[in-house]
Amino acid sequence: MKNTQGSAPNYKQTCIVMFGVNVAWVFFVIWAIWGLIAVACTGWCINRAISLIASKQD
């Protein structure tokens, strides 16, 4: 019996898209509860965190 395994599918693009979808609904919930300034602060904090992670990888 020949047992060959194929390669696993690449879900990188799907992960990126779903991250964007999840961030969008979280921003809408924050906006509905606390307002636009809270969304702006949250977005700024997420941006700083991603920039910090990116700078540590270099």
N, C-alpha and C. Protein backbone atom coordinates (compact mmCIF):
# COMPACT_ATOMS: atom_id res chain seq x y z
N MET A 1 0.82 -1.17 0.00
CA MET A 1 0.00 0.00 0.00
C MET A 1 0.88 1.25 0.00
N LYS A 2 0.57 2.16 -0.90
CA LYS A 2 1.36 3.39 -1.00
C LYS A 2 0.67 4.48 -0.17
N ASN A 3 1.40 5.00 0.80
CA ASN A 3 0.85 6.03 1.69
C ASN A 3 1.65 7.32 1.51
N THR A 4 1.11 8.25 0.75
CA THR A 4 1.81 9.52 0.54
C THR A 4 1.03 10.64 1.20
N GLN A 5 1.75 11.51 1.82
CA GLN A 5 1.12 12.67 2.45
C GLN A 5 1.36 13.89 1.59
N GLY A 6 0.31 14.66 1.40
CA GLY A 6 0.44 15.90 0.69
C GLY A 6 0.86 17.00 1.66
N SER A 7 1.17 18.14 1.11
CA SER A 7 1.56 19.24 1.97
C SER A 7 0.33 19.90 2.59
N ALA A 8 0.53 20.50 3.73
CA ALA A 8 -0.58 21.17 4.42
C ALA A 8 -0.93 22.46 3.69
N PRO A 9 -2.19 22.84 3.68
CA PRO A 9 -2.58 24.08 3.02
C PRO A 9 -2.02 25.30 3.77
N ASN A 10 -1.77 26.36 3.02
CA ASN A 10 -1.24 27.59 3.59
C ASN A 10 -2.41 28.48 4.00
N TYR A 11 -2.58 28.70 5.28
CA TYR A 11 -3.68 29.50 5.79
C TYR A 11 -3.23 30.91 6.20
N LYS A 12 -2.07 31.35 5.74
CA LYS A 12 -1.56 32.66 6.14
C LYS A 12 -2.49 33.79 5.71
N GLN A 13 -2.93 33.79 4.47
CA GLN A 13 -3.82 34.85 3.97
C GLN A 13 -5.15 34.82 4.70
N THR A 14 -5.68 33.64 4.96
CA THR A 14 -6.93 33.51 5.69
C THR A 14 -6.79 34.05 7.11
N CYS A 15 -5.68 33.78 7.73
CA CYS A 15 -5.43 34.28 9.09
C CYS A 15 -5.38 35.80 9.11
N ILE A 16 -4.73 36.41 8.13
CA ILE A 16 -4.62 37.86 8.05
C ILE A 16 -6.00 38.48 7.84
N VAL A 17 -6.80 37.90 6.96
CA VAL A 17 -8.15 38.43 6.71
C VAL A 17 -9.01 38.31 7.95
N MET A 18 -8.98 37.17 8.62
CA MET A 18 -9.80 37.00 9.82
C MET A 18 -9.33 37.89 10.96
N PHE A 19 -8.04 38.18 11.04
CA PHE A 19 -7.55 39.13 12.04
C PHE A 19 -8.18 40.50 11.78
N GLY A 20 -8.23 40.91 10.52
CA GLY A 20 -8.86 42.19 10.18
C GLY A 20 -10.34 42.21 10.51
N VAL A 21 -11.03 41.12 10.24
CA VAL A 21 -12.47 41.03 10.55
C VAL A 21 -12.68 41.11 12.06
N ASN A 22 -11.87 40.39 12.81
CA ASN A 22 -12.01 40.41 14.27
C ASN A 22 -11.68 41.77 14.86
N VAL A 23 -10.65 42.43 14.36
CA VAL A 23 -10.33 43.77 14.84
C VAL A 23 -11.46 44.74 14.53
N ALA A 24 -12.08 44.60 13.37
CA ALA A 24 -13.17 45.50 12.98
C ALA A 24 -14.35 45.35 13.93
N TRP A 25 -14.79 44.13 14.23
CA TRP A 25 -15.95 44.00 15.11
C TRP A 25 -15.62 44.40 16.54
N VAL A 26 -14.38 44.17 16.98
CA VAL A 26 -13.99 44.62 18.32
C VAL A 26 -14.02 46.15 18.39
N PHE A 27 -13.53 46.82 17.33
CA PHE A 27 -13.59 48.28 17.29
C PHE A 27 -15.03 48.78 17.31
N PHE A 28 -15.93 48.12 16.60
CA PHE A 28 -17.34 48.53 16.61
C PHE A 28 -17.96 48.38 18.00
N VAL A 29 -17.61 47.31 18.70
CA VAL A 29 -18.14 47.11 20.05
C VAL A 29 -17.60 48.18 21.00
N ILE A 30 -16.30 48.45 20.92
CA ILE A 30 -15.70 49.50 21.76
C ILE A 30 -16.34 50.84 21.43
N TRP A 31 -16.54 51.12 20.15
CA TRP A 31 -17.15 52.37 19.73
C TRP A 31 -18.57 52.50 20.28
N ALA A 32 -19.33 51.42 20.23
CA ALA A 32 -20.71 51.45 20.71
C ALA A 32 -20.78 51.65 22.22
N ILE A 33 -19.81 51.10 22.94
CA ILE A 33 -19.86 51.18 24.40
C ILE A 33 -19.22 52.47 24.92
N TRP A 34 -17.99 52.79 24.46
CA TRP A 34 -17.25 53.90 25.04
C TRP A 34 -17.04 55.09 24.11
N GLY A 35 -17.22 54.92 22.83
CA GLY A 35 -17.08 56.05 21.91
C GLY A 35 -15.87 55.97 21.01
N LEU A 36 -15.78 56.97 20.14
CA LEU A 36 -14.74 56.98 19.11
C LEU A 36 -13.35 57.22 19.68
N ILE A 37 -13.23 58.00 20.73
CA ILE A 37 -11.91 58.26 21.31
C ILE A 37 -11.30 56.97 21.86
N ALA A 38 -12.11 56.13 22.46
CA ALA A 38 -11.62 54.85 22.97
C ALA A 38 -11.13 53.96 21.83
N VAL A 39 -11.82 54.00 20.69
CA VAL A 39 -11.39 53.21 19.53
C VAL A 39 -10.07 53.74 19.00
N ALA A 40 -9.93 55.06 18.94
CA ALA A 40 -8.67 55.65 18.47
C ALA A 40 -7.51 55.29 19.40
N CYS A 41 -7.74 55.33 20.70
CA CYS A 41 -6.69 54.96 21.65
C CYS A 41 -6.32 53.48 21.54
N THR A 42 -7.32 52.64 21.38
CA THR A 42 -7.08 51.21 21.23
C THR A 42 -6.28 50.93 19.95
N GLY A 43 -6.67 51.58 18.86
CA GLY A 43 -5.94 51.41 17.60
C GLY A 43 -4.51 51.88 17.70
N TRP A 44 -4.30 52.99 18.40
CA TRP A 44 -2.94 53.50 18.58
C TRP A 44 -2.11 52.51 19.40
N CYS A 45 -2.70 51.96 20.46
CA CYS A 45 -1.99 50.99 21.29
C CYS A 45 -1.64 49.71 20.51
N ILE A 46 -2.56 49.23 19.71
CA ILE A 46 -2.30 48.05 18.89
C ILE A 46 -1.19 48.34 17.88
N ASN A 47 -1.22 49.53 17.28
CA ASN A 47 -0.17 49.91 16.34
C ASN A 47 1.20 49.95 17.01
N ARG A 48 1.27 50.51 18.21
CA ARG A 48 2.54 50.57 18.95
C ARG A 48 3.03 49.16 19.29
N ALA A 49 2.11 48.28 19.69
CA ALA A 49 2.51 46.92 20.03
C ALA A 49 3.05 46.17 18.81
N ILE A 50 2.39 46.32 17.68
CA ILE A 50 2.86 45.66 16.45
C ILE A 50 4.20 46.23 16.03
N SER A 51 4.37 47.54 16.14
CA SER A 51 5.66 48.16 15.79
C SER A 51 6.78 47.67 16.71
N LEU A 52 6.47 47.52 18.00
CA LEU A 52 7.46 47.03 18.94
C LEU A 52 7.86 45.59 18.61
N ILE A 53 6.89 44.76 18.29
CA ILE A 53 7.19 43.37 17.91
C ILE A 53 8.03 43.34 16.63
N ALA A 54 7.68 44.18 15.66
CA ALA A 54 8.43 44.21 14.40
C ALA A 54 9.86 44.68 14.60
N SER A 55 10.07 45.65 15.48
CA SER A 55 11.43 46.15 15.71
C SER A 55 12.29 45.12 16.43
N LYS A 56 11.70 44.27 17.26
CA LYS A 56 12.46 43.24 17.97
C LYS A 56 12.85 42.08 17.06
N GLN A 57 12.18 41.93 15.91
CA GLN A 57 12.50 40.84 15.00
C GLN A 57 13.66 41.17 14.08
N ASP A 58 14.07 42.41 14.03
CA ASP A 58 15.19 42.78 13.14
C ASP A 58 16.52 42.43 13.72
